[in-house]
Amino acid sequence: MDYIDINRSAWDARIETHLQSNFYDLECFKQGKNSIPDLDKSLLGNVRGKKVLHLQCHFGMDTISLARMGAEATGIDFSEIGIKAAKTLNEELGNNARFICCNVYDTPQELHEEFDIVYTSYGVINWLDNLNKWGDVVFQMLRPGGRFVMVEFHPLLWMLDESFSVMKYPYSRKEPYVTDDASYTENGAEARCRTITWNYGLSDIVQGLLRNNLRITHFSEHNLSPYNLFGNMKEEHGMFCIEGKEHLFPLLFSLVALKE
C-alpha cells in the first residue's frame, strides 16, 4: 500500500466517529449553524454566485456552508465513505453542493473547469507529499483573476507534543511521519489508525504556490484557533489558545493568492 491508500483507509475508518462527535456538532449544523470560522469568511468575502472549489472537504460541512452562503460549491475528498456521507448530508438538508471523490492531485482530471475561488483549511496540508504538485493543481483550477484562500494550523504548533508542553518535532522535514494515532475528536480513541503525514515550514507552502505563478496578496499569523486541538486548550472569547502559553506564538496562518 502507498501512503494515499494508507491515509484513505484511516479517513474511511474515522468518518462515523467524526459524524457522532461533539467536535463537529453535526446536530447544530443541521439546524443551520455555519461551520466556516469567521476568519475564513472574512478572507473568502462575498461568495454569492461564485464558483468555489473546496479541497479536502472531509464529509462536507464547510462545502455545504459555502453553498448556504450562496456559492456554487464543489467539494473534493479522497475518501469514498466521506463523500458518500457528504452527499447524504447535502440531500438531507436540501442543499445544492456538489461532491466529487478524488485525491487532490487528480482534481484537474476529474473537473474540467475553472473556479473563482479555491479554498482549503485546517489540518489538510500535512497529508500531501508534494507541494509543488499541489500548487500546480491550485493554479489549474483557478480562472484568471481567481483567488486561492487558505487558513491552516501554523507549523510551529506541530513542533509540540499533544500536551503542548514539550518541543518534540522538527519545524520542517522532508521525511514523513508514520504513526498509529487516535483521531483528534473527543471520541477519537475509537478511531486509532496508521497514518502518514508531513511537517512543512511556511517557506515550503509559500514556495509551492510561488513556483506555480500564483501571486500572494495576503499573509498573516494568528494567535487564536477556532478549534480546541486535542481537547485541552483554553477558551478565550469563543476561540482557543494554549493555557500558560497565551500569545507566545501563532497557532494559525492565513494566505490569499491570485492567479493573474
Protein backbone atom coordinates (compact mmCIF):
# COMPACT_ATOMS: atom_id res chain seq x y z
CA MET A 1 0.00 0.00 0.00
CA ASP A 2 1.22 3.52 -0.75
CA TYR A 3 0.69 6.48 1.58
CA ILE A 4 -2.52 7.60 -0.18
CA ASP A 5 -4.11 4.17 0.34
CA ILE A 6 -2.99 4.07 3.98
CA ASN A 7 -4.35 7.54 4.71
CA ARG A 8 -7.56 6.92 2.80
CA SER A 9 -8.17 3.83 4.92
CA ALA A 10 -7.64 5.91 8.07
CA TRP A 11 -10.11 8.59 7.00
CA ASP A 12 -12.63 5.97 5.89
CA ALA A 13 -12.42 4.43 9.35
CA ARG A 14 -12.86 7.78 11.12
CA ILE A 15 -15.93 9.12 9.31
CA GLU A 16 -18.55 7.55 11.58
CA THR A 17 -16.64 8.65 14.70
CA HIS A 18 -16.47 12.22 13.40
CA LEU A 19 -20.15 12.27 12.45
CA GLN A 20 -21.02 11.41 16.06
CA SER A 21 -18.52 13.79 17.71
CA ASN A 22 -19.16 16.96 19.67
CA PHE A 23 -16.17 18.40 17.84
CA TYR A 24 -18.16 18.61 14.60
CA ASP A 25 -21.53 19.17 16.34
CA LEU A 26 -23.50 17.89 13.39
CA GLU A 27 -26.89 18.48 15.03
CA CYS A 28 -26.29 22.24 15.38
CA PHE A 29 -25.07 22.28 11.79
CA LYS A 30 -28.27 20.61 10.63
CA GLN A 31 -30.21 23.34 12.44
CA GLY A 32 -28.47 26.00 10.36
CA LYS A 33 -25.10 26.76 12.01
CA ASN A 34 -22.40 27.80 9.55
CA SER A 35 -19.28 25.67 10.09
CA ILE A 36 -16.81 28.08 8.45
CA PRO A 37 -14.87 30.18 11.01
CA ASP A 38 -15.14 33.97 10.91
CA LEU A 39 -11.50 34.39 9.82
CA ASP A 40 -12.10 32.23 6.77
CA LYS A 41 -15.32 34.04 5.92
CA SER A 42 -13.54 37.40 6.05
CA LEU A 43 -10.96 36.17 3.54
CA LEU A 44 -13.47 34.46 1.28
CA GLY A 45 -15.62 37.59 1.11
CA ASN A 46 -19.00 37.55 -0.58
CA VAL A 47 -19.21 34.19 -2.35
CA ARG A 48 -22.77 34.56 -3.60
CA GLY A 49 -22.95 33.46 -7.22
CA LYS A 50 -19.27 32.45 -7.31
CA LYS A 51 -17.86 29.06 -8.21
CA VAL A 52 -15.91 27.78 -5.18
CA LEU A 53 -13.82 24.61 -5.05
CA HIS A 54 -13.15 23.21 -1.58
CA LEU A 55 -10.15 20.88 -1.48
CA GLN A 56 -10.03 18.01 1.07
CA CYS A 57 -13.61 18.61 2.21
CA HIS A 58 -13.97 15.57 4.55
CA PHE A 59 -17.74 14.88 4.95
CA GLY A 60 -18.80 18.19 3.51
CA MET A 61 -19.88 20.58 6.27
CA ASP A 62 -17.81 23.53 5.07
CA THR A 63 -18.71 22.91 1.43
CA ILE A 64 -22.39 22.88 2.35
CA SER A 65 -21.84 26.05 4.39
CA LEU A 66 -20.39 27.70 1.29
CA ALA A 67 -23.49 26.68 -0.65
CA ARG A 68 -25.67 28.11 2.13
CA MET A 69 -23.74 31.38 1.66
CA GLY A 70 -24.81 31.41 -1.99
CA ALA A 71 -21.77 29.87 -3.66
CA GLU A 72 -21.82 27.30 -6.43
CA ALA A 73 -19.81 24.99 -4.19
CA THR A 74 -17.88 21.84 -5.10
CA GLY A 75 -16.09 19.70 -2.52
CA ILE A 76 -13.48 17.05 -3.29
CA ASP A 77 -12.03 14.41 -0.99
CA PHE A 78 -10.28 11.07 -1.50
CA SER A 79 -12.45 9.14 0.98
CA GLU A 80 -15.38 7.45 -0.74
CA ILE A 81 -17.07 6.99 2.63
CA GLY A 82 -16.57 10.68 3.40
CA ILE A 83 -18.01 11.76 0.06
CA LYS A 84 -20.95 9.40 0.48
CA ALA A 85 -21.64 10.96 3.90
CA ALA A 86 -21.33 14.44 2.37
CA LYS A 87 -23.83 13.62 -0.38
CA THR A 88 -26.25 12.13 2.15
CA LEU A 89 -26.00 15.21 4.38
CA ASN A 90 -26.36 17.52 1.39
CA GLU A 91 -29.51 15.71 0.25
CA GLU A 92 -30.96 15.62 3.78
CA LEU A 93 -30.56 19.40 4.06
CA GLY A 94 -31.93 20.06 0.58
CA ASN A 95 -28.71 21.76 -0.43
CA ASN A 96 -27.14 22.05 -3.88
CA ALA A 97 -23.44 21.49 -3.14
CA ARG A 98 -21.59 19.08 -5.43
CA PHE A 99 -19.20 16.40 -4.19
CA ILE A 100 -16.52 14.51 -6.12
CA CYS A 101 -14.37 11.65 -4.84
CA CYS A 102 -10.72 12.04 -5.87
CA ASN A 103 -7.37 12.87 -4.34
CA VAL A 104 -6.13 16.44 -4.66
CA TYR A 105 -3.61 15.69 -7.40
CA ASP A 106 -6.27 14.17 -9.68
CA THR A 107 -8.65 17.15 -9.41
CA PRO A 108 -7.84 18.63 -12.86
CA GLN A 109 -8.59 15.27 -14.48
CA GLU A 110 -11.92 14.99 -12.67
CA LEU A 111 -13.11 18.59 -13.06
CA HIS A 112 -12.54 20.13 -16.48
CA GLU A 113 -13.48 23.65 -15.39
CA GLU A 114 -12.14 26.69 -13.56
CA PHE A 115 -13.28 28.34 -10.34
CA ASP A 116 -13.48 31.85 -8.90
CA ILE A 117 -12.12 30.64 -5.55
CA VAL A 118 -10.19 27.57 -4.44
CA TYR A 119 -10.38 27.10 -0.65
CA THR A 120 -8.58 24.84 1.81
CA SER A 121 -8.31 24.94 5.59
CA TYR A 122 -7.26 23.43 8.93
CA GLY A 123 -5.22 20.25 9.09
CA VAL A 124 -5.03 19.42 5.40
CA ILE A 125 -1.60 20.39 4.05
CA ASN A 126 0.23 17.80 6.16
CA TRP A 127 -1.50 14.97 4.26
CA LEU A 128 0.19 15.91 0.96
CA ASP A 129 3.63 14.70 -0.12
CA ASN A 130 4.35 17.18 -2.93
CA LEU A 131 3.58 20.87 -2.51
CA ASN A 132 4.81 21.84 -5.98
CA LYS A 133 2.27 19.44 -7.46
CA TRP A 134 -0.36 20.81 -5.06
CA GLY A 135 0.39 24.38 -6.15
CA ASP A 136 0.03 23.36 -9.80
CA VAL A 137 -3.43 21.92 -9.06
CA VAL A 138 -4.47 25.18 -7.39
CA PHE A 139 -3.23 27.13 -10.41
CA GLN A 140 -5.02 24.87 -12.91
CA MET A 141 -8.33 25.02 -11.06
CA LEU A 142 -8.48 28.83 -10.84
CA ARG A 143 -9.78 31.07 -13.59
CA PRO A 144 -7.60 34.07 -14.47
CA GLY A 145 -8.21 36.59 -11.70
CA GLY A 146 -9.36 33.82 -9.35
CA ARG A 147 -8.23 33.59 -5.73
CA PHE A 148 -6.81 30.82 -3.57
CA VAL A 149 -7.80 31.14 0.10
CA MET A 150 -6.02 29.08 2.75
CA VAL A 151 -6.22 29.03 6.55
CA GLU A 152 -4.09 26.41 8.25
CA PHE A 153 -2.54 25.49 11.58
CA HIS A 154 0.85 27.12 12.00
CA PRO A 155 3.82 24.73 11.63
CA LEU A 156 5.19 25.97 14.98
CA LEU A 157 2.21 24.28 16.64
CA TRP A 158 3.21 20.86 15.27
CA MET A 159 6.63 21.09 16.91
CA LEU A 160 4.93 20.40 20.27
CA ASP A 161 3.60 17.18 21.76
CA GLU A 162 -0.14 16.74 22.31
CA SER A 163 0.03 18.32 25.76
CA PHE A 164 1.74 21.42 24.27
CA SER A 165 4.44 21.07 26.93
CA VAL A 166 7.47 19.66 25.10
CA MET A 167 9.08 20.70 21.82
CA LYS A 168 9.26 17.26 20.20
CA TYR A 169 9.27 17.57 16.40
CA PRO A 170 11.25 19.50 13.75
CA TYR A 171 9.73 22.67 12.33
CA SER A 172 10.02 21.17 8.85
CA ARG A 173 11.43 17.95 7.47
CA LYS A 174 11.34 16.01 4.20
CA GLU A 175 10.74 12.57 5.70
CA PRO A 176 7.15 11.63 6.57
CA TYR A 177 5.87 10.63 9.99
CA VAL A 178 4.37 7.13 10.16
CA THR A 179 2.22 6.90 13.26
CA ASP A 180 -0.58 4.90 14.85
CA ASP A 181 -2.77 7.56 16.46
CA ALA A 182 -6.25 8.19 17.76
CA SER A 183 -8.30 10.79 15.91
CA TYR A 184 -8.44 14.43 17.05
CA THR A 185 -12.10 14.43 18.13
CA GLU A 186 -13.09 13.94 21.77
CA ASN A 187 -14.28 10.40 20.91
CA GLY A 188 -11.24 9.74 18.73
CA ALA A 189 -9.83 6.89 20.80
CA GLU A 190 -12.35 4.72 18.93
CA ALA A 191 -10.63 5.53 15.64
CA ARG A 192 -6.95 4.70 16.12
CA CYS A 193 -5.34 4.25 12.70
CA ARG A 194 -2.00 4.17 10.95
CA THR A 195 -1.31 7.43 9.11
CA ILE A 196 1.50 9.01 7.08
CA THR A 197 1.91 12.79 7.29
CA TRP A 198 4.48 15.55 6.71
CA ASN A 199 5.58 18.66 8.61
CA TYR A 200 6.07 21.67 6.33
CA GLY A 201 7.55 25.03 7.22
CA LEU A 202 5.92 28.20 5.91
CA SER A 203 8.52 28.60 3.16
CA ASP A 204 7.64 25.15 1.74
CA ILE A 205 3.98 26.12 1.49
CA VAL A 206 4.63 29.59 0.09
CA GLN A 207 7.10 28.27 -2.50
CA GLY A 208 4.61 25.62 -3.62
CA LEU A 209 2.39 28.49 -4.73
CA LEU A 210 5.03 30.94 -6.00
CA ARG A 211 6.65 28.29 -8.20
CA ASN A 212 3.29 27.87 -9.90
CA ASN A 213 2.86 31.55 -10.80
CA LEU A 214 0.43 32.42 -8.03
CA ARG A 215 0.90 35.89 -6.54
CA ILE A 216 0.45 36.09 -2.78
CA THR A 217 -1.70 39.10 -1.87
CA HIS A 218 -2.28 38.36 1.83
CA PHE A 219 -0.34 36.58 4.56
CA SER A 220 -0.98 36.80 8.30
CA GLU A 221 -0.38 34.83 11.51
CA HIS A 222 -2.98 34.42 14.27
CA ASN A 223 -2.68 33.67 18.00
CA LEU A 224 -6.09 32.02 18.48
CA SER A 225 -7.65 28.88 17.00
CA PRO A 226 -11.34 28.28 16.27
CA TYR A 227 -10.78 24.63 17.23
CA ASN A 228 -9.87 23.08 20.58
CA LEU A 229 -7.00 20.88 19.46
CA PHE A 230 -6.68 17.62 21.43
CA GLY A 231 -9.43 18.93 23.73
CA ASN A 232 -7.01 20.61 26.12
CA MET A 233 -6.88 24.24 25.02
CA LYS A 234 -8.20 27.26 26.92
CA GLU A 235 -11.23 29.16 25.62
CA GLU A 236 -10.81 32.89 25.10
CA HIS A 237 -13.63 34.97 23.58
CA GLY A 238 -15.04 31.98 21.70
CA MET A 239 -11.61 30.97 20.38
CA PHE A 240 -8.88 28.76 21.86
CA CYS A 241 -5.28 29.18 22.99
CA ILE A 242 -2.70 27.11 24.86
CA GLU A 243 -3.08 27.65 28.59
CA GLY A 244 0.07 29.11 30.09
CA LYS A 245 1.41 29.94 26.63
CA GLU A 246 -1.19 32.52 25.59
CA HIS A 247 0.03 34.57 22.64
CA LEU A 248 3.61 33.24 22.83
CA PHE A 249 3.50 32.08 19.21
CA PRO A 250 0.95 31.90 16.39
CA LEU A 251 -1.48 28.98 16.14
CA LEU A 252 -2.73 29.71 12.61
CA PHE A 253 -1.65 31.38 9.41
CA SER A 254 -3.82 32.70 6.59
CA LEU A 255 -2.90 33.21 2.97
CA VAL A 256 -4.57 34.51 -0.19
CA ALA A 257 -3.00 34.10 -3.63
CA LEU A 258 -4.10 35.39 -7.02
CA LYS A 259 -3.91 33.80 -10.47
CA GLU A 260 -3.22 36.67 -12.85
